[in-house]
Amino acid sequence: MMLKTWVLSIACMLCVSTNCWADTINIARAANDKGRLPDLLLNAALERGGMHQASYPYGDIETLPLSTRINGLKNGELDVFFALSTPEYEQEFIPIYIPIYRGMMGMRLAIIKKENINIFEDIKNVEGLQTLSAGQGKFWADTNILEYNALPVVKSLKYKNLFRMLEADRFDYFPRGIQEPWAEVEKHEHLNLTVDPHIMLWYTAPFYYFVPRSKPELASHITEQLEAMIEDGSFMSLFNREPYIQTALQQANIEQRTIIKLKNPFLSDRTPTERKELWYTPDSSANYTSIDESL
């Protein structure tokens, strides 16, 4: 009897140490999310907290439309999704007010056709941008930001269609987060596309985790773990090691670009803009060609 009790006690201890009693939470992750910062940070936070175990109900589907992620949270299939914030998302779900990409999603480089490599060479301000059209997802937060700044936008329901639409001259450029365009151009190497070397659009754009309103404890737990990671430096360590961010910082040549600032009127009052440690800012010593401050 004593032996059985001892074995049971050891089994329970092992079970706890391997999180086999942890609550399972369903995360909106597609195959192309694996190894990227939102995936890395969330898994590190959950592992640190030891209370929840990640599950991915959509398996290895290559891409996961934003509408699927949102509907999954609404209907209870998902517990966490990550996206560029909008007022609607912050009202409907619980946002975790820590910008995952430290605002880099608001630093936009353009994918263009190779023969249009100099399309932005003489564009120095918003008025110049208004002569060209951008491609965007119909329901993306960026779409509203570009339209607010009076920039022409051509929309598609499907992300993957935008690359062929660009090659077919349906629009002039496809603005992407600074860490995104090189991998996307490489993935679509059969198309006649490249990354523009001349400009960068820049607006404040937090990319958050969102949790259902019915799960405030989960939101609090993830927030607590992320704050601890910021405090001990592990957040920045993951940020600096993330391959797509490394590529962006190595290849973007921000100091050689015309930086055109846009307004984002859709930020909530709770956007943590006062916490400078949460946001990436290009080297203040960089010799920018031009920064448009008119908007």
C-alpha atoms as a PDB file:
ATOM      1  CA  MET A   1       0.000   0.000   0.000  1.00  0.00           C
ATOM      2  CA  MET A   2       2.808   2.379   0.926  1.00  0.00           C
ATOM      3  CA  LEU A   3       4.574   1.527  -2.336  1.00  0.00           C
ATOM      4  CA  LYS A   4       1.421   2.326  -4.335  1.00  0.00           C
ATOM      5  CA  THR A   5       1.035   5.639  -2.521  1.00  0.00           C
ATOM      6  CA  TRP A   6       4.666   6.506  -3.200  1.00  0.00           C
ATOM      7  CA  VAL A   7       4.353   5.619  -6.910  1.00  0.00           C
ATOM      8  CA  LEU A   8       1.161   7.675  -7.188  1.00  0.00           C
ATOM      9  CA  SER A   9       2.829  10.652  -5.525  1.00  0.00           C
ATOM     10  CA  ILE A  10       5.806  10.466  -7.893  1.00  0.00           C
ATOM     11  CA  ALA A  11       3.449  10.177 -10.889  1.00  0.00           C
ATOM     12  CA  CYS A  12       1.521  13.248  -9.756  1.00  0.00           C
ATOM     13  CA  MET A  13       4.730  15.219  -9.335  1.00  0.00           C
ATOM     14  CA  LEU A  14       5.887  14.234 -12.794  1.00  0.00           C
ATOM     15  CA  CYS A  15       2.506  15.096 -14.224  1.00  0.00           C
ATOM     16  CA  VAL A  16       2.609  18.580 -12.731  1.00  0.00           C
ATOM     17  CA  SER A  17       6.195  19.119 -13.887  1.00  0.00           C
ATOM     18  CA  THR A  18       5.266  18.289 -17.474  1.00  0.00           C
ATOM     19  CA  ASN A  19       2.092  20.422 -17.421  1.00  0.00           C
ATOM     20  CA  CYS A  20      -0.117  17.431 -18.184  1.00  0.00           C
ATOM     21  CA  TRP A  21      -2.803  19.016 -16.044  1.00  0.00           C
ATOM     22  CA  ALA A  22      -2.456  22.412 -17.691  1.00  0.00           C
ATOM     23  CA  ASP A  23      -5.521  23.897 -19.350  1.00  0.00           C
ATOM     24  CA  THR A  24      -5.446  23.631 -23.127  1.00  0.00           C
ATOM     25  CA  ILE A  25      -5.918  26.869 -25.021  1.00  0.00           C
ATOM     26  CA  ASN A  26      -6.655  26.974 -28.733  1.00  0.00           C
ATOM     27  CA  ILE A  27      -4.486  29.338 -30.742  1.00  0.00           C
ATOM     28  CA  ALA A  28      -5.064  30.666 -34.253  1.00  0.00           C
ATOM     29  CA  ARG A  29      -1.813  29.618 -35.902  1.00  0.00           C
ATOM     30  CA  ALA A  30      -1.228  28.747 -39.536  1.00  0.00           C
ATOM     31  CA  ALA A  31       1.840  27.019 -40.911  1.00  0.00           C
ATOM     32  CA  ASN A  32       3.368  30.329 -41.979  1.00  0.00           C
ATOM     33  CA  ASP A  33       3.008  31.663 -38.409  1.00  0.00           C
ATOM     34  CA  LYS A  34       5.387  29.042 -37.023  1.00  0.00           C
ATOM     35  CA  GLY A  35       8.680  30.411 -35.765  1.00  0.00           C
ATOM     36  CA  ARG A  36       7.564  34.016 -36.087  1.00  0.00           C
ATOM     37  CA  LEU A  37       7.544  36.419 -33.200  1.00  0.00           C
ATOM     38  CA  PRO A  38       3.850  36.144 -32.161  1.00  0.00           C
ATOM     39  CA  ASP A  39       4.185  32.357 -32.040  1.00  0.00           C
ATOM     40  CA  LEU A  40       7.549  32.434 -30.227  1.00  0.00           C
ATOM     41  CA  LEU A  41       6.492  34.999 -27.623  1.00  0.00           C
ATOM     42  CA  LEU A  42       3.165  33.377 -26.838  1.00  0.00           C
ATOM     43  CA  ASN A  43       4.699  29.933 -26.416  1.00  0.00           C
ATOM     44  CA  ALA A  44       7.448  31.353 -24.202  1.00  0.00           C
ATOM     45  CA  ALA A  45       4.851  33.159 -22.069  1.00  0.00           C
ATOM     46  CA  LEU A  46       2.698  30.030 -21.695  1.00  0.00           C
ATOM     47  CA  GLU A  47       5.700  27.875 -20.849  1.00  0.00           C
ATOM     48  CA  ARG A  48       6.839  30.430 -18.301  1.00  0.00           C
ATOM     49  CA  GLY A  49       3.421  30.563 -16.655  1.00  0.00           C
ATOM     50  CA  GLY A  50       2.996  26.781 -16.572  1.00  0.00           C
ATOM     51  CA  MET A  51      -0.801  27.002 -16.401  1.00  0.00           C
ATOM     52  CA  HIS A  52      -1.774  26.550 -20.055  1.00  0.00           C
ATOM     53  CA  GLN A  53      -0.818  24.249 -22.894  1.00  0.00           C
ATOM     54  CA  ALA A  54      -1.060  25.426 -26.495  1.00  0.00           C
ATOM     55  CA  SER A  55      -3.228  23.641 -29.049  1.00  0.00           C
ATOM     56  CA  TYR A  56      -3.595  24.488 -32.745  1.00  0.00           C
ATOM     57  CA  PRO A  57      -7.000  23.366 -34.012  1.00  0.00           C
ATOM     58  CA  TYR A  58      -6.363  24.382 -37.623  1.00  0.00           C
ATOM     59  CA  GLY A  59      -3.316  22.137 -37.948  1.00  0.00           C
ATOM     60  CA  ASP A  60      -0.830  22.924 -40.707  1.00  0.00           C
ATOM     61  CA  ILE A  61      -3.072  24.944 -42.994  1.00  0.00           C
ATOM     62  CA  GLU A  62      -0.704  27.216 -44.933  1.00  0.00           C
ATOM     63  CA  THR A  63      -2.466  30.530 -44.349  1.00  0.00           C
ATOM     64  CA  LEU A  64      -5.318  31.426 -42.047  1.00  0.00           C
ATOM     65  CA  PRO A  65      -7.583  34.297 -43.146  1.00  0.00           C
ATOM     66  CA  LEU A  66      -8.137  37.016 -40.592  1.00  0.00           C
ATOM     67  CA  SER A  67     -11.882  36.408 -40.808  1.00  0.00           C
ATOM     68  CA  THR A  68     -11.331  32.776 -39.722  1.00  0.00           C
ATOM     69  CA  ARG A  69      -9.265  33.890 -36.739  1.00  0.00           C
ATOM     70  CA  ILE A  70     -11.863  36.435 -35.676  1.00  0.00           C
ATOM     71  CA  ASN A  71     -14.809  34.080 -36.110  1.00  0.00           C
ATOM     72  CA  GLY A  72     -12.931  31.399 -34.198  1.00  0.00           C
ATOM     73  CA  LEU A  73     -12.688  33.677 -31.182  1.00  0.00           C
ATOM     74  CA  LYS A  74     -16.323  34.710 -31.517  1.00  0.00           C
ATOM     75  CA  ASN A  75     -17.701  31.176 -31.653  1.00  0.00           C
ATOM     76  CA  GLY A  76     -15.478  29.728 -28.936  1.00  0.00           C
ATOM     77  CA  GLU A  77     -13.228  27.623 -31.168  1.00  0.00           C
ATOM     78  CA  LEU A  78     -10.207  29.782 -30.334  1.00  0.00           C
ATOM     79  CA  ASP A  79      -8.824  31.386 -27.191  1.00  0.00           C
ATOM     80  CA  VAL A  80      -6.121  33.622 -28.693  1.00  0.00           C
ATOM     81  CA  PHE A  81      -5.465  35.307 -32.005  1.00  0.00           C
ATOM     82  CA  PHE A  82      -3.003  38.020 -32.969  1.00  0.00           C
ATOM     83  CA  ALA A  83      -3.578  40.902 -35.354  1.00  0.00           C
ATOM     84  CA  LEU A  84      -3.018  44.555 -36.011  1.00  0.00           C
ATOM     85  CA  SER A  85      -5.335  46.354 -33.631  1.00  0.00           C
ATOM     86  CA  THR A  86      -8.570  48.098 -34.572  1.00  0.00           C
ATOM     87  CA  PRO A  87     -11.151  49.866 -32.368  1.00  0.00           C
ATOM     88  CA  GLU A  88     -13.594  47.054 -33.138  1.00  0.00           C
ATOM     89  CA  TYR A  89     -11.201  44.321 -31.995  1.00  0.00           C
ATOM     90  CA  GLU A  90     -10.381  46.186 -28.790  1.00  0.00           C
ATOM     91  CA  GLN A  91     -14.071  46.576 -28.011  1.00  0.00           C
ATOM     92  CA  GLU A  92     -15.170  43.055 -28.887  1.00  0.00           C
ATOM     93  CA  PHE A  93     -12.212  41.153 -27.392  1.00  0.00           C
ATOM     94  CA  ILE A  94      -9.704  41.684 -24.576  1.00  0.00           C
ATOM     95  CA  PRO A  95      -6.547  43.194 -26.073  1.00  0.00           C
ATOM     96  CA  ILE A  96      -3.206  42.590 -24.409  1.00  0.00           C
ATOM     97  CA  TYR A  97      -1.673  46.054 -24.610  1.00  0.00           C
ATOM     98  CA  ILE A  98       1.872  44.996 -25.415  1.00  0.00           C
ATOM     99  CA  PRO A  99       2.763  45.582 -29.109  1.00  0.00           C
ATOM    100  CA  ILE A 100       4.213  42.247 -30.196  1.00  0.00           C
ATOM    101  CA  TYR A 101       6.334  43.645 -33.033  1.00  0.00           C
ATOM    102  CA  ARG A 102       7.178  46.816 -31.070  1.00  0.00           C
ATOM    103  CA  GLY A 103       5.378  48.867 -33.744  1.00  0.00           C
ATOM    104  CA  MET A 104       7.361  47.486 -36.665  1.00  0.00           C
ATOM    105  CA  MET A 105       4.118  46.489 -38.395  1.00  0.00           C
ATOM    106  CA  GLY A 106       3.583  50.221 -38.900  1.00  0.00           C
ATOM    107  CA  MET A 107       6.868  50.470 -40.818  1.00  0.00           C
ATOM    108  CA  ARG A 108       5.825  49.568 -44.328  1.00  0.00           C
ATOM    109  CA  LEU A 109       7.988  48.704 -47.306  1.00  0.00           C
ATOM    110  CA  ALA A 110       6.491  48.219 -50.752  1.00  0.00           C
ATOM    111  CA  ILE A 111       6.539  45.120 -52.908  1.00  0.00           C
ATOM    112  CA  ILE A 112       6.555  46.270 -56.539  1.00  0.00           C
ATOM    113  CA  LYS A 113       7.086  44.869 -60.022  1.00  0.00           C
ATOM    114  CA  LYS A 114      10.755  44.567 -60.961  1.00  0.00           C
ATOM    115  CA  GLU A 115      10.445  46.881 -63.953  1.00  0.00           C
ATOM    116  CA  ASN A 116       9.025  49.554 -61.627  1.00  0.00           C
ATOM    117  CA  ILE A 117      12.107  49.603 -59.405  1.00  0.00           C
ATOM    118  CA  ASN A 118      12.250  53.423 -59.551  1.00  0.00           C
ATOM    119  CA  ILE A 119       8.525  54.072 -59.163  1.00  0.00           C
ATOM    120  CA  PHE A 120       9.074  55.764 -55.785  1.00  0.00           C
ATOM    121  CA  GLU A 121      12.388  57.466 -56.575  1.00  0.00           C
ATOM    122  CA  ASP A 122      10.889  60.969 -56.803  1.00  0.00           C
ATOM    123  CA  ILE A 123       8.125  60.558 -54.219  1.00  0.00           C
ATOM    124  CA  LYS A 124       8.879  62.525 -51.054  1.00  0.00           C
ATOM    125  CA  ASN A 125       5.482  63.075 -49.385  1.00  0.00           C
ATOM    126  CA  VAL A 126       1.888  61.923 -49.048  1.00  0.00           C
ATOM    127  CA  GLU A 127       0.766  63.956 -52.045  1.00  0.00           C
ATOM    128  CA  GLY A 128       3.177  62.003 -54.231  1.00  0.00           C
ATOM    129  CA  LEU A 129       1.846  58.715 -52.879  1.00  0.00           C
ATOM    130  CA  GLN A 130      -1.674  59.757 -53.836  1.00  0.00           C
ATOM    131  CA  THR A 131      -0.761  59.310 -57.512  1.00  0.00           C
ATOM    132  CA  LEU A 132      -0.272  55.557 -56.979  1.00  0.00           C
ATOM    133  CA  SER A 133      -2.559  52.771 -55.770  1.00  0.00           C
ATOM    134  CA  ALA A 134      -1.827  50.260 -53.005  1.00  0.00           C
ATOM    135  CA  GLY A 135      -3.092  46.696 -52.719  1.00  0.00           C
ATOM    136  CA  GLN A 136      -4.600  45.592 -49.399  1.00  0.00           C
ATOM    137  CA  GLY A 137      -6.837  43.019 -47.783  1.00  0.00           C
ATOM    138  CA  LYS A 138     -10.422  44.202 -47.649  1.00  0.00           C
ATOM    139  CA  PHE A 139     -10.750  43.890 -43.872  1.00  0.00           C
ATOM    140  CA  TRP A 140      -7.186  44.729 -42.812  1.00  0.00           C
ATOM    141  CA  ALA A 141      -6.623  47.490 -40.281  1.00  0.00           C
ATOM    142  CA  ASP A 142      -3.983  49.011 -42.590  1.00  0.00           C
ATOM    143  CA  THR A 143      -6.587  49.505 -45.288  1.00  0.00           C
ATOM    144  CA  ASN A 144      -8.480  51.981 -43.114  1.00  0.00           C
ATOM    145  CA  ILE A 145      -5.255  53.797 -42.206  1.00  0.00           C
ATOM    146  CA  LEU A 146      -4.208  54.232 -45.836  1.00  0.00           C
ATOM    147  CA  GLU A 147      -7.678  55.393 -46.849  1.00  0.00           C
ATOM    148  CA  TYR A 148      -7.807  57.879 -43.960  1.00  0.00           C
ATOM    149  CA  ASN A 149      -4.630  59.410 -45.369  1.00  0.00           C
ATOM    150  CA  ALA A 150      -6.337  59.707 -48.781  1.00  0.00           C
ATOM    151  CA  LEU A 151      -4.214  57.021 -50.442  1.00  0.00           C
ATOM    152  CA  PRO A 152      -5.901  55.026 -53.231  1.00  0.00           C
ATOM    153  CA  VAL A 153      -6.419  51.371 -52.272  1.00  0.00           C
ATOM    154  CA  VAL A 154      -7.421  48.310 -54.301  1.00  0.00           C
ATOM    155  CA  LYS A 155      -8.822  45.546 -52.065  1.00  0.00           C
ATOM    156  CA  SER A 156      -8.957  41.782 -52.156  1.00  0.00           C
ATOM    157  CA  LEU A 157     -10.656  39.296 -49.857  1.00  0.00           C
ATOM    158  CA  LYS A 158      -7.722  36.897 -50.164  1.00  0.00           C
ATOM    159  CA  TYR A 159      -4.153  37.747 -49.192  1.00  0.00           C
ATOM    160  CA  LYS A 160      -2.609  35.318 -51.676  1.00  0.00           C
ATOM    161  CA  ASN A 161      -4.423  36.961 -54.589  1.00  0.00           C
ATOM    162  CA  LEU A 162      -2.709  40.293 -53.988  1.00  0.00           C
ATOM    163  CA  PHE A 163       0.631  39.143 -55.409  1.00  0.00           C
ATOM    164  CA  ARG A 164      -0.865  38.116 -58.764  1.00  0.00           C
ATOM    165  CA  MET A 165      -2.995  41.259 -58.812  1.00  0.00           C
ATOM    166  CA  LEU A 166       0.172  43.334 -58.396  1.00  0.00           C
ATOM    167  CA  GLU A 167       1.914  41.523 -61.244  1.00  0.00           C
ATOM    168  CA  ALA A 168      -1.209  42.052 -63.386  1.00  0.00           C
ATOM    169  CA  ASP A 169      -1.044  45.840 -62.784  1.00  0.00           C
ATOM    170  CA  ARG A 170      -4.264  45.962 -60.788  1.00  0.00           C
ATOM    171  CA  PHE A 171      -2.406  48.315 -58.429  1.00  0.00           C
ATOM    172  CA  ASP A 172       1.099  49.795 -58.140  1.00  0.00           C
ATOM    173  CA  TYR A 173       2.485  48.553 -54.833  1.00  0.00           C
ATOM    174  CA  PHE A 174       1.783  46.211 -51.932  1.00  0.00           C
ATOM    175  CA  PRO A 175       2.877  47.768 -48.600  1.00  0.00           C
ATOM    176  CA  ARG A 176       4.070  45.167 -46.099  1.00  0.00           C
ATOM    177  CA  GLY A 177       5.398  45.213 -42.545  1.00  0.00           C
ATOM    178  CA  ILE A 178       9.153  45.791 -42.599  1.00  0.00           C
ATOM    179  CA  GLN A 179       9.881  42.171 -41.639  1.00  0.00           C
ATOM    180  CA  GLU A 180       7.629  40.645 -44.306  1.00  0.00           C
ATOM    181  CA  PRO A 181       8.457  41.531 -47.939  1.00  0.00           C
ATOM    182  CA  TRP A 182      11.685  39.629 -48.624  1.00  0.00           C
ATOM    183  CA  ALA A 183      10.286  36.275 -47.568  1.00  0.00           C
ATOM    184  CA  GLU A 184       7.109  36.961 -49.529  1.00  0.00           C
ATOM    185  CA  VAL A 185       9.002  37.900 -52.689  1.00  0.00           C
ATOM    186  CA  GLU A 186      11.115  34.771 -52.314  1.00  0.00           C
ATOM    187  CA  LYS A 187       8.010  32.655 -51.833  1.00  0.00           C
ATOM    188  CA  HIS A 188       6.548  34.129 -55.025  1.00  0.00           C
ATOM    189  CA  GLU A 189       9.775  33.944 -57.027  1.00  0.00           C
ATOM    190  CA  HIS A 190       7.800  32.806 -60.067  1.00  0.00           C
ATOM    191  CA  LEU A 191       6.282  36.294 -60.184  1.00  0.00           C
ATOM    192  CA  ASN A 192       8.044  39.416 -61.408  1.00  0.00           C
ATOM    193  CA  LEU A 193       8.287  41.125 -57.992  1.00  0.00           C
ATOM    194  CA  THR A 194      10.887  42.836 -55.811  1.00  0.00           C
ATOM    195  CA  VAL A 195      11.161  45.121 -52.761  1.00  0.00           C
ATOM    196  CA  ASP A 196      11.232  48.867 -53.382  1.00  0.00           C
ATOM    197  CA  PRO A 197      14.486  50.503 -52.107  1.00  0.00           C
ATOM    198  CA  HIS A 198      13.310  54.120 -51.919  1.00  0.00           C
ATOM    199  CA  ILE A 199      10.589  54.781 -49.323  1.00  0.00           C
ATOM    200  CA  MET A 200       9.126  53.614 -46.030  1.00  0.00           C
ATOM    201  CA  LEU A 201       5.639  54.425 -44.792  1.00  0.00           C
ATOM    202  CA  TRP A 202       5.508  54.839 -41.019  1.00  0.00           C
ATOM    203  CA  TYR A 203       2.536  55.029 -38.672  1.00  0.00           C
ATOM    204  CA  THR A 204       1.850  53.887 -35.117  1.00  0.00           C
ATOM    205  CA  ALA A 205       0.357  50.407 -35.440  1.00  0.00           C
ATOM    206  CA  PRO A 206       0.246  48.021 -32.455  1.00  0.00           C
ATOM    207  CA  PHE A 207      -0.024  44.310 -33.180  1.00  0.00           C
ATOM    208  CA  TYR A 208      -1.669  42.627 -30.164  1.00  0.00           C
ATOM    209  CA  TYR A 209      -2.823  39.299 -28.828  1.00  0.00           C
ATOM    210  CA  PHE A 210      -6.609  39.189 -28.362  1.00  0.00           C
ATOM    211  CA  VAL A 211      -8.548  36.960 -25.958  1.00  0.00           C
ATOM    212  CA  PRO A 212     -12.344  36.447 -25.664  1.00  0.00           C
ATOM    213  CA  ARG A 213     -14.192  38.727 -23.238  1.00  0.00           C
ATOM    214  CA  SER A 214     -15.254  35.584 -21.405  1.00  0.00           C
ATOM    215  CA  LYS A 215     -11.643  34.794 -20.408  1.00  0.00           C
ATOM    216  CA  PRO A 216     -10.232  37.746 -18.463  1.00  0.00           C
ATOM    217  CA  GLU A 217      -8.092  35.410 -16.337  1.00  0.00           C
ATOM    218  CA  LEU A 218      -6.300  34.153 -19.451  1.00  0.00           C
ATOM    219  CA  ALA A 219      -5.697  37.707 -20.652  1.00  0.00           C
ATOM    220  CA  SER A 220      -4.320  38.684 -17.242  1.00  0.00           C
ATOM    221  CA  HIS A 221      -2.071  35.641 -17.148  1.00  0.00           C
ATOM    222  CA  ILE A 222      -0.575  36.268 -20.603  1.00  0.00           C
ATOM    223  CA  THR A 223      -0.110  39.961 -19.793  1.00  0.00           C
ATOM    224  CA  GLU A 224       1.647  39.099 -16.539  1.00  0.00           C
ATOM    225  CA  GLN A 225       4.043  36.688 -18.257  1.00  0.00           C
ATOM    226  CA  LEU A 226       4.858  39.103 -21.073  1.00  0.00           C
ATOM    227  CA  GLU A 227       5.526  41.900 -18.594  1.00  0.00           C
ATOM    228  CA  ALA A 228       7.895  39.581 -16.716  1.00  0.00           C
ATOM    229  CA  MET A 229       9.657  38.800 -20.002  1.00  0.00           C
ATOM    230  CA  ILE A 230      10.052  42.512 -20.713  1.00  0.00           C
ATOM    231  CA  GLU A 231      11.472  42.993 -17.227  1.00  0.00           C
ATOM    232  CA  ASP A 232      14.055  40.194 -17.436  1.00  0.00           C
ATOM    233  CA  GLY A 233      15.070  40.874 -21.051  1.00  0.00           C
ATOM    234  CA  SER A 234      13.770  37.636 -22.586  1.00  0.00           C
ATOM    235  CA  PHE A 235      11.180  39.536 -24.656  1.00  0.00           C
ATOM    236  CA  MET A 236      13.914  41.602 -26.324  1.00  0.00           C
ATOM    237  CA  SER A 237      16.090  38.520 -26.731  1.00  0.00           C
ATOM    238  CA  LEU A 238      13.369  36.768 -28.741  1.00  0.00           C
ATOM    239  CA  PHE A 239      12.665  39.957 -30.692  1.00  0.00           C
ATOM    240  CA  ASN A 240      16.322  40.388 -31.657  1.00  0.00           C
ATOM    241  CA  ARG A 241      16.766  36.721 -32.641  1.00  0.00           C
ATOM    242  CA  GLU A 242      13.619  36.383 -34.747  1.00  0.00           C
ATOM    243  CA  PRO A 243      14.865  35.615 -38.292  1.00  0.00           C
ATOM    244  CA  TYR A 244      12.399  37.842 -40.156  1.00  0.00           C
ATOM    245  CA  ILE A 245      13.222  40.816 -37.950  1.00  0.00           C
ATOM    246  CA  GLN A 246      16.953  40.202 -38.373  1.00  0.00           C
ATOM    247  CA  THR A 247      16.483  40.149 -42.141  1.00  0.00           C
ATOM    248  CA  ALA A 248      14.461  43.360 -42.008  1.00  0.00           C
ATOM    249  CA  LEU A 249      17.058  45.247 -39.989  1.00  0.00           C
ATOM    250  CA  GLN A 250      19.872  43.985 -42.222  1.00  0.00           C
ATOM    251  CA  GLN A 251      18.215  44.622 -45.584  1.00  0.00           C
ATOM    252  CA  ALA A 252      15.814  47.538 -45.101  1.00  0.00           C
ATOM    253  CA  ASN A 253      18.498  50.280 -45.266  1.00  0.00           C
ATOM    254  CA  ILE A 254      16.126  52.619 -43.452  1.00  0.00           C
ATOM    255  CA  GLU A 255      18.744  55.380 -43.330  1.00  0.00           C
ATOM    256  CA  GLN A 256      18.717  55.524 -47.139  1.00  0.00           C
ATOM    257  CA  ARG A 257      14.948  55.760 -47.487  1.00  0.00           C
ATOM    258  CA  THR A 258      12.476  58.602 -47.668  1.00  0.00           C
ATOM    259  CA  ILE A 259      10.290  58.098 -44.596  1.00  0.00           C
ATOM    260  CA  ILE A 260       6.716  59.244 -45.065  1.00  0.00           C
ATOM    261  CA  LYS A 261       4.715  59.462 -41.862  1.00  0.00           C
ATOM    262  CA  LEU A 262       0.993  58.739 -41.881  1.00  0.00           C
ATOM    263  CA  LYS A 263      -1.615  59.335 -39.208  1.00  0.00           C
ATOM    264  CA  ASN A 264      -3.432  56.466 -37.538  1.00  0.00           C
ATOM    265  CA  PRO A 265      -6.647  57.958 -36.102  1.00  0.00           C
ATOM    266  CA  PHE A 266      -7.875  54.526 -34.990  1.00  0.00           C
ATOM    267  CA  LEU A 267      -5.619  54.164 -31.946  1.00  0.00           C
ATOM    268  CA  SER A 268      -7.420  53.749 -28.634  1.00  0.00           C
ATOM    269  CA  ASP A 269      -6.651  55.862 -25.573  1.00  0.00           C
ATOM    270  CA  ARG A 270      -5.057  52.783 -24.022  1.00  0.00           C
ATOM    271  CA  THR A 271      -2.338  52.450 -26.675  1.00  0.00           C
ATOM    272  CA  PRO A 272       0.846  52.433 -24.548  1.00  0.00           C
ATOM    273  CA  THR A 273       2.679  55.085 -26.560  1.00  0.00           C
ATOM    274  CA  GLU A 274       4.221  56.511 -23.375  1.00  0.00           C
ATOM    275  CA  ARG A 275       6.127  53.270 -22.745  1.00  0.00           C
ATOM    276  CA  LYS A 276       9.098  53.877 -25.003  1.00  0.00           C
ATOM    277  CA  GLU A 277      10.622  50.483 -24.199  1.00  0.00           C
ATOM    278  CA  LEU A 278       7.721  48.799 -26.021  1.00  0.00           C
ATOM    279  CA  TRP A 279       8.385  50.449 -29.390  1.00  0.00           C
ATOM    280  CA  TYR A 280      11.146  50.099 -31.946  1.00  0.00           C
ATOM    281  CA  THR A 281      12.513  53.377 -33.295  1.00  0.00           C
ATOM    282  CA  PRO A 282      15.093  53.606 -36.073  1.00  0.00           C
ATOM    283  CA  ASP A 283      18.501  54.928 -35.045  1.00  0.00           C
ATOM    284  CA  SER A 284      18.009  58.608 -34.227  1.00  0.00           C
ATOM    285  CA  SER A 285      21.400  59.347 -35.776  1.00  0.00           C
ATOM    286  CA  ALA A 286      20.302  58.109 -39.191  1.00  0.00           C
ATOM    287  CA  ASN A 287      20.513  60.662 -41.965  1.00  0.00           C
ATOM    288  CA  TYR A 288      17.007  60.381 -43.371  1.00  0.00           C
ATOM    289  CA  THR A 289      16.517  61.649 -46.901  1.00  0.00           C
ATOM    290  CA  SER A 290      13.173  63.158 -45.955  1.00  0.00           C
ATOM    291  CA  ILE A 291      10.568  62.768 -43.262  1.00  0.00           C
ATOM    292  CA  ASP A 292       7.130  64.096 -44.077  1.00  0.00           C
ATOM    293  CA  GLU A 293       5.657  65.545 -40.879  1.00  0.00           C
ATOM    294  CA  SER A 294       2.704  67.214 -42.571  1.00  0.00           C
ATOM    295  CA  LEU A 295       0.120  64.681 -41.413  1.00  0.00           C
END
